[in-house]
Amino acid sequence: MTLSDAQDWLSQVVWLDYKLAVALSVIAPLLLLGWAAVVRLQPLLALMIIYWRVSSLLAVTVYLMIAEFPVSFMTGTAARALIPACLWFWDDLSQGILLAGGSLSRIFRWWRWLVTGYMGAGFLLSLGFLPCAFQQRLDATCRIWLEPPLMFRQIFHPTIPVENLGLVGILGLLAYVLYSLYFGWRLRRGDFDKYPEG
């Protein structure tokens, strides 16, 4: 296999990854959140709110990649580890969802396993590209990962300068880190009897 063939193959994998990400980590959890709100299944509603807080690191990563910031390769890898962790960490919420029974509970459990498998595979794949995070100028292979974020920019932010979108990514990352530190501090203090509500 030539270098060109390998890069073509990687490009297909990257685009498939982003399509799966949209389906499994954006559309499906939005539907689950809405369904949980309608039927007032509080344990699932709480867990999905936690999920969206954690998974916002994926959105931050997209904006960092638009600006071609190498740190985006680290944030993307971290997001793939944190998302499954947040879905399995809260035993009381998982138990409440299981006890509720019904179609929503069953669909959520299927989705959680799918997301766990997808994020796990993506995490292993992204580990191979962590060296991209330490390049001053991204090489051609690393830049393949920027293709979907740049397409996202063309669709949703065609008139906004790349520098401004990069600033959004940096500020988003800063807010994410600060909130994570605050959350970890409260968790260590034992502020959450069952699960965090704020």
C-alpha atoms as a PDB file:
ATOM      1  CA  MET A   1       0.000   0.000   0.000  1.00  0.00           C
ATOM      2  CA  THR A   2       1.392   3.379  -1.000  1.00  0.00           C
ATOM      3  CA  LEU A   3       1.333   6.460   1.220  1.00  0.00           C
ATOM      4  CA  SER A   4      -1.396   7.933  -0.979  1.00  0.00           C
ATOM      5  CA  ASP A   5      -3.518   4.791  -0.609  1.00  0.00           C
ATOM      6  CA  ALA A   6      -3.015   4.839   3.156  1.00  0.00           C
ATOM      7  CA  GLN A   7      -4.076   8.479   3.359  1.00  0.00           C
ATOM      8  CA  ASP A   8      -7.157   7.792   1.224  1.00  0.00           C
ATOM      9  CA  TRP A   9      -8.082   4.923   3.544  1.00  0.00           C
ATOM     10  CA  LEU A  10      -7.541   7.107   6.615  1.00  0.00           C
ATOM     11  CA  SER A  11      -9.692   9.861   5.109  1.00  0.00           C
ATOM     12  CA  GLN A  12     -12.555   7.388   4.681  1.00  0.00           C
ATOM     13  CA  VAL A  13     -12.145   6.227   8.285  1.00  0.00           C
ATOM     14  CA  VAL A  14     -12.114   9.809   9.581  1.00  0.00           C
ATOM     15  CA  TRP A  15     -15.280  10.733   7.691  1.00  0.00           C
ATOM     16  CA  LEU A  16     -17.008   7.550   8.892  1.00  0.00           C
ATOM     17  CA  ASP A  17     -15.947   8.414  12.431  1.00  0.00           C
ATOM     18  CA  TYR A  18     -17.524  11.868  12.217  1.00  0.00           C
ATOM     19  CA  LYS A  19     -20.737  10.491  10.723  1.00  0.00           C
ATOM     20  CA  LEU A  20     -21.008   7.959  13.546  1.00  0.00           C
ATOM     21  CA  ALA A  21     -20.218  10.714  16.042  1.00  0.00           C
ATOM     22  CA  VAL A  22     -23.111  12.816  14.771  1.00  0.00           C
ATOM     23  CA  ALA A  23     -25.500   9.856  14.897  1.00  0.00           C
ATOM     24  CA  LEU A  24     -24.426   8.314  18.210  1.00  0.00           C
ATOM     25  CA  SER A  25     -23.161  11.268  20.229  1.00  0.00           C
ATOM     26  CA  VAL A  26     -25.441  14.082  19.017  1.00  0.00           C
ATOM     27  CA  ILE A  27     -28.714  12.935  17.443  1.00  0.00           C
ATOM     28  CA  ALA A  28     -29.367   9.851  19.598  1.00  0.00           C
ATOM     29  CA  PRO A  29     -28.675  11.544  22.960  1.00  0.00           C
ATOM     30  CA  LEU A  30     -30.794  14.541  21.943  1.00  0.00           C
ATOM     31  CA  LEU A  31     -33.699  12.176  21.289  1.00  0.00           C
ATOM     32  CA  LEU A  32     -33.085  10.365  24.576  1.00  0.00           C
ATOM     33  CA  LEU A  33     -32.955  13.656  26.471  1.00  0.00           C
ATOM     34  CA  GLY A  34     -36.215  14.816  24.923  1.00  0.00           C
ATOM     35  CA  TRP A  35     -37.932  11.491  25.547  1.00  0.00           C
ATOM     36  CA  ALA A  36     -36.748  11.402  29.166  1.00  0.00           C
ATOM     37  CA  ALA A  37     -38.084  14.934  29.682  1.00  0.00           C
ATOM     38  CA  VAL A  38     -41.481  14.054  28.193  1.00  0.00           C
ATOM     39  CA  VAL A  39     -41.993  10.931  30.322  1.00  0.00           C
ATOM     40  CA  ARG A  40     -40.238  12.533  33.311  1.00  0.00           C
ATOM     41  CA  LEU A  41     -37.791   9.703  33.862  1.00  0.00           C
ATOM     42  CA  GLN A  42     -35.610  11.661  36.276  1.00  0.00           C
ATOM     43  CA  PRO A  43     -32.619   9.279  36.542  1.00  0.00           C
ATOM     44  CA  LEU A  44     -32.207   9.222  32.763  1.00  0.00           C
ATOM     45  CA  LEU A  45     -32.800  12.958  32.483  1.00  0.00           C
ATOM     46  CA  ALA A  46     -30.072  13.597  35.059  1.00  0.00           C
ATOM     47  CA  LEU A  47     -27.656  11.217  33.353  1.00  0.00           C
ATOM     48  CA  MET A  48     -28.246  12.767  29.934  1.00  0.00           C
ATOM     49  CA  ILE A  49     -27.584  16.243  31.340  1.00  0.00           C
ATOM     50  CA  ILE A  50     -24.305  14.930  32.747  1.00  0.00           C
ATOM     51  CA  TYR A  51     -23.570  13.364  29.355  1.00  0.00           C
ATOM     52  CA  TRP A  52     -24.057  16.658  27.517  1.00  0.00           C
ATOM     53  CA  ARG A  53     -21.766  18.482  29.927  1.00  0.00           C
ATOM     54  CA  VAL A  54     -19.023  15.914  29.419  1.00  0.00           C
ATOM     55  CA  SER A  55     -19.492  15.480  25.673  1.00  0.00           C
ATOM     56  CA  SER A  56     -19.266  19.226  25.086  1.00  0.00           C
ATOM     57  CA  LEU A  57     -15.522  18.556  24.869  1.00  0.00           C
ATOM     58  CA  LEU A  58     -16.224  17.083  21.421  1.00  0.00           C
ATOM     59  CA  ALA A  59     -17.674  20.416  20.292  1.00  0.00           C
ATOM     60  CA  VAL A  60     -14.665  22.212  21.757  1.00  0.00           C
ATOM     61  CA  THR A  61     -12.423  19.845  19.798  1.00  0.00           C
ATOM     62  CA  VAL A  62     -14.188  20.675  16.523  1.00  0.00           C
ATOM     63  CA  TYR A  63     -13.561  24.407  16.978  1.00  0.00           C
ATOM     64  CA  LEU A  64      -9.950  23.809  17.977  1.00  0.00           C
ATOM     65  CA  MET A  65      -9.471  21.713  14.843  1.00  0.00           C
ATOM     66  CA  ILE A  66     -11.002  24.399  12.653  1.00  0.00           C
ATOM     67  CA  ALA A  67      -8.211  26.693  13.839  1.00  0.00           C
ATOM     68  CA  GLU A  68      -5.692  23.845  13.409  1.00  0.00           C
ATOM     69  CA  PHE A  69      -4.625  23.904  17.046  1.00  0.00           C
ATOM     70  CA  PRO A  70      -2.620  20.714  17.718  1.00  0.00           C
ATOM     71  CA  VAL A  71      -4.043  20.470  21.253  1.00  0.00           C
ATOM     72  CA  SER A  72      -7.288  19.340  19.600  1.00  0.00           C
ATOM     73  CA  PHE A  73      -5.781  15.873  19.190  1.00  0.00           C
ATOM     74  CA  MET A  74      -5.466  15.654  22.973  1.00  0.00           C
ATOM     75  CA  THR A  75      -8.954  16.974  23.705  1.00  0.00           C
ATOM     76  CA  GLY A  76     -10.504  14.596  21.180  1.00  0.00           C
ATOM     77  CA  THR A  77      -8.778  11.614  22.765  1.00  0.00           C
ATOM     78  CA  ALA A  78      -9.781  12.762  26.252  1.00  0.00           C
ATOM     79  CA  ALA A  79     -13.424  13.151  25.191  1.00  0.00           C
ATOM     80  CA  ARG A  80     -13.517   9.564  23.950  1.00  0.00           C
ATOM     81  CA  ALA A  81     -12.374   8.361  27.368  1.00  0.00           C
ATOM     82  CA  LEU A  82     -14.561  10.664  29.469  1.00  0.00           C
ATOM     83  CA  ILE A  83     -17.861  10.023  27.678  1.00  0.00           C
ATOM     84  CA  PRO A  84     -18.120   6.280  28.454  1.00  0.00           C
ATOM     85  CA  ALA A  85     -16.871   6.963  31.973  1.00  0.00           C
ATOM     86  CA  CYS A  86     -19.681   9.431  32.677  1.00  0.00           C
ATOM     87  CA  LEU A  87     -22.308   7.021  31.330  1.00  0.00           C
ATOM     88  CA  TRP A  88     -21.264   4.204  33.678  1.00  0.00           C
ATOM     89  CA  PHE A  89     -20.048   6.095  36.767  1.00  0.00           C
ATOM     90  CA  TRP A  90     -23.379   6.883  38.449  1.00  0.00           C
ATOM     91  CA  ASP A  91     -24.610   3.533  39.813  1.00  0.00           C
ATOM     92  CA  ASP A  92     -27.747   5.005  41.393  1.00  0.00           C
ATOM     93  CA  LEU A  93     -28.817   6.556  38.101  1.00  0.00           C
ATOM     94  CA  SER A  94     -28.161   3.339  36.191  1.00  0.00           C
ATOM     95  CA  GLN A  95     -30.173   1.400  38.757  1.00  0.00           C
ATOM     96  CA  GLY A  96     -33.038   3.887  38.557  1.00  0.00           C
ATOM     97  CA  ILE A  97     -33.119   3.601  34.760  1.00  0.00           C
ATOM     98  CA  LEU A  98     -33.033  -0.200  34.956  1.00  0.00           C
ATOM     99  CA  LEU A  99     -35.859  -0.335  37.502  1.00  0.00           C
ATOM    100  CA  ALA A 100     -38.011   1.977  35.388  1.00  0.00           C
ATOM    101  CA  GLY A 101     -38.184  -0.639  32.652  1.00  0.00           C
ATOM    102  CA  GLY A 102     -40.007   0.023  29.398  1.00  0.00           C
ATOM    103  CA  SER A 103     -38.848   0.902  25.905  1.00  0.00           C
ATOM    104  CA  LEU A 104     -36.927   4.039  26.886  1.00  0.00           C
ATOM    105  CA  SER A 105     -34.861   2.201  29.479  1.00  0.00           C
ATOM    106  CA  ARG A 106     -34.079  -0.589  27.030  1.00  0.00           C
ATOM    107  CA  ILE A 107     -33.155   1.775  24.185  1.00  0.00           C
ATOM    108  CA  PHE A 108     -30.914   3.785  26.504  1.00  0.00           C
ATOM    109  CA  ARG A 109     -29.030   0.665  27.579  1.00  0.00           C
ATOM    110  CA  TRP A 110     -28.519  -0.389  23.962  1.00  0.00           C
ATOM    111  CA  TRP A 111     -27.309   3.105  23.081  1.00  0.00           C
ATOM    112  CA  ARG A 112     -24.938   3.183  26.054  1.00  0.00           C
ATOM    113  CA  TRP A 113     -23.275  -0.031  24.948  1.00  0.00           C
ATOM    114  CA  LEU A 114     -23.030   1.235  21.353  1.00  0.00           C
ATOM    115  CA  VAL A 115     -21.478   4.516  22.471  1.00  0.00           C
ATOM    116  CA  THR A 116     -19.081   2.712  24.794  1.00  0.00           C
ATOM    117  CA  GLY A 117     -17.886   0.456  21.975  1.00  0.00           C
ATOM    118  CA  TYR A 118     -17.658   3.311  19.490  1.00  0.00           C
ATOM    119  CA  MET A 119     -15.784   5.608  21.869  1.00  0.00           C
ATOM    120  CA  GLY A 120     -13.485   2.779  22.924  1.00  0.00           C
ATOM    121  CA  ALA A 121     -12.543   2.009  19.320  1.00  0.00           C
ATOM    122  CA  GLY A 122     -12.151   5.716  18.586  1.00  0.00           C
ATOM    123  CA  PHE A 123      -9.952   6.150  21.651  1.00  0.00           C
ATOM    124  CA  LEU A 124      -7.598   3.398  20.500  1.00  0.00           C
ATOM    125  CA  LEU A 125      -7.480   4.895  16.997  1.00  0.00           C
ATOM    126  CA  SER A 126      -6.836   8.409  18.271  1.00  0.00           C
ATOM    127  CA  LEU A 127      -3.952   7.219  20.457  1.00  0.00           C
ATOM    128  CA  GLY A 128      -2.011   6.580  17.265  1.00  0.00           C
ATOM    129  CA  PHE A 129      -2.364  10.243  16.320  1.00  0.00           C
ATOM    130  CA  LEU A 130      -1.488  11.828  19.662  1.00  0.00           C
ATOM    131  CA  PRO A 131       1.966  12.771  18.284  1.00  0.00           C
ATOM    132  CA  CYS A 132       0.070  15.256  16.078  1.00  0.00           C
ATOM    133  CA  ALA A 133      -0.564  17.260  19.263  1.00  0.00           C
ATOM    134  CA  PHE A 134       3.151  18.032  19.473  1.00  0.00           C
ATOM    135  CA  GLN A 135       3.737  19.173  15.896  1.00  0.00           C
ATOM    136  CA  GLN A 136       4.202  22.878  15.288  1.00  0.00           C
ATOM    137  CA  ARG A 137       2.971  22.401  11.725  1.00  0.00           C
ATOM    138  CA  LEU A 138       0.626  19.487  11.150  1.00  0.00           C
ATOM    139  CA  ASP A 139       1.799  17.030   8.510  1.00  0.00           C
ATOM    140  CA  ALA A 140      -0.436  15.708   5.735  1.00  0.00           C
ATOM    141  CA  THR A 141      -1.575  12.663   7.719  1.00  0.00           C
ATOM    142  CA  CYS A 142      -2.553  14.706  10.772  1.00  0.00           C
ATOM    143  CA  ARG A 143      -4.368  17.226   8.594  1.00  0.00           C
ATOM    144  CA  ILE A 144      -6.742  14.527   7.360  1.00  0.00           C
ATOM    145  CA  TRP A 145      -8.472  14.776  10.751  1.00  0.00           C
ATOM    146  CA  LEU A 146      -9.212  18.438  10.032  1.00  0.00           C
ATOM    147  CA  GLU A 147     -11.313  17.713   6.930  1.00  0.00           C
ATOM    148  CA  PRO A 148     -14.713  17.229   8.658  1.00  0.00           C
ATOM    149  CA  PRO A 149     -14.302  20.227  11.030  1.00  0.00           C
ATOM    150  CA  LEU A 150     -13.360  22.438   8.079  1.00  0.00           C
ATOM    151  CA  MET A 151     -16.445  21.223   6.219  1.00  0.00           C
ATOM    152  CA  PHE A 152     -18.494  22.024   9.342  1.00  0.00           C
ATOM    153  CA  ARG A 153     -17.087  25.542   9.222  1.00  0.00           C
ATOM    154  CA  GLN A 154     -18.001  25.950   5.543  1.00  0.00           C
ATOM    155  CA  ILE A 155     -21.594  24.930   6.286  1.00  0.00           C
ATOM    156  CA  PHE A 156     -22.269  26.755   9.552  1.00  0.00           C
ATOM    157  CA  HIS A 157     -19.667  29.555   9.833  1.00  0.00           C
ATOM    158  CA  PRO A 158     -18.601  30.472   6.287  1.00  0.00           C
ATOM    159  CA  THR A 159     -18.212  34.195   7.018  1.00  0.00           C
ATOM    160  CA  ILE A 160     -16.630  33.990  10.474  1.00  0.00           C
ATOM    161  CA  PRO A 161     -12.819  34.270  10.535  1.00  0.00           C
ATOM    162  CA  VAL A 162     -10.960  31.126  11.535  1.00  0.00           C
ATOM    163  CA  GLU A 163      -9.211  33.077  14.301  1.00  0.00           C
ATOM    164  CA  ASN A 164     -12.549  33.869  15.941  1.00  0.00           C
ATOM    165  CA  LEU A 165     -13.662  30.246  15.787  1.00  0.00           C
ATOM    166  CA  GLY A 166     -10.345  29.221  17.284  1.00  0.00           C
ATOM    167  CA  LEU A 167     -10.921  31.689  20.105  1.00  0.00           C
ATOM    168  CA  VAL A 168     -14.302  30.062  20.733  1.00  0.00           C
ATOM    169  CA  GLY A 169     -12.497  26.730  21.005  1.00  0.00           C
ATOM    170  CA  ILE A 170      -9.873  28.082  23.426  1.00  0.00           C
ATOM    171  CA  LEU A 171     -12.475  29.775  25.636  1.00  0.00           C
ATOM    172  CA  GLY A 172     -14.606  26.636  25.534  1.00  0.00           C
ATOM    173  CA  LEU A 173     -11.640  24.523  26.610  1.00  0.00           C
ATOM    174  CA  LEU A 174     -10.824  26.925  29.434  1.00  0.00           C
ATOM    175  CA  ALA A 175     -14.436  26.856  30.657  1.00  0.00           C
ATOM    176  CA  TYR A 176     -14.481  23.050  30.396  1.00  0.00           C
ATOM    177  CA  VAL A 177     -11.305  22.664  32.448  1.00  0.00           C
ATOM    178  CA  LEU A 178     -12.474  25.123  35.120  1.00  0.00           C
ATOM    179  CA  TYR A 179     -15.878  23.456  35.436  1.00  0.00           C
ATOM    180  CA  SER A 180     -14.247  20.010  35.581  1.00  0.00           C
ATOM    181  CA  LEU A 181     -11.978  21.152  38.414  1.00  0.00           C
ATOM    182  CA  TYR A 182     -14.967  22.624  40.257  1.00  0.00           C
ATOM    183  CA  PHE A 183     -16.989  19.454  39.700  1.00  0.00           C
ATOM    184  CA  GLY A 184     -14.119  17.251  40.890  1.00  0.00           C
ATOM    185  CA  TRP A 185     -13.693  19.395  44.003  1.00  0.00           C
ATOM    186  CA  ARG A 186     -17.404  19.107  44.852  1.00  0.00           C
ATOM    187  CA  LEU A 187     -17.379  15.371  44.165  1.00  0.00           C
ATOM    188  CA  ARG A 188     -14.390  14.867  46.440  1.00  0.00           C
ATOM    189  CA  ARG A 189     -16.120  16.838  49.191  1.00  0.00           C
ATOM    190  CA  GLY A 190     -19.107  14.526  48.918  1.00  0.00           C
ATOM    191  CA  ASP A 191     -21.527  17.267  47.891  1.00  0.00           C
ATOM    192  CA  PHE A 192     -23.516  14.844  45.746  1.00  0.00           C
ATOM    193  CA  ASP A 193     -25.587  12.478  47.849  1.00  0.00           C
ATOM    194  CA  LYS A 194     -26.772  10.643  44.767  1.00  0.00           C
ATOM    195  CA  TYR A 195     -25.888  12.523  41.624  1.00  0.00           C
ATOM    196  CA  PRO A 196     -25.082  16.111  40.657  1.00  0.00           C
ATOM    197  CA  GLU A 197     -28.017  18.363  39.931  1.00  0.00           C
ATOM    198  CA  GLY A 198     -26.000  21.496  39.226  1.00  0.00           C
END
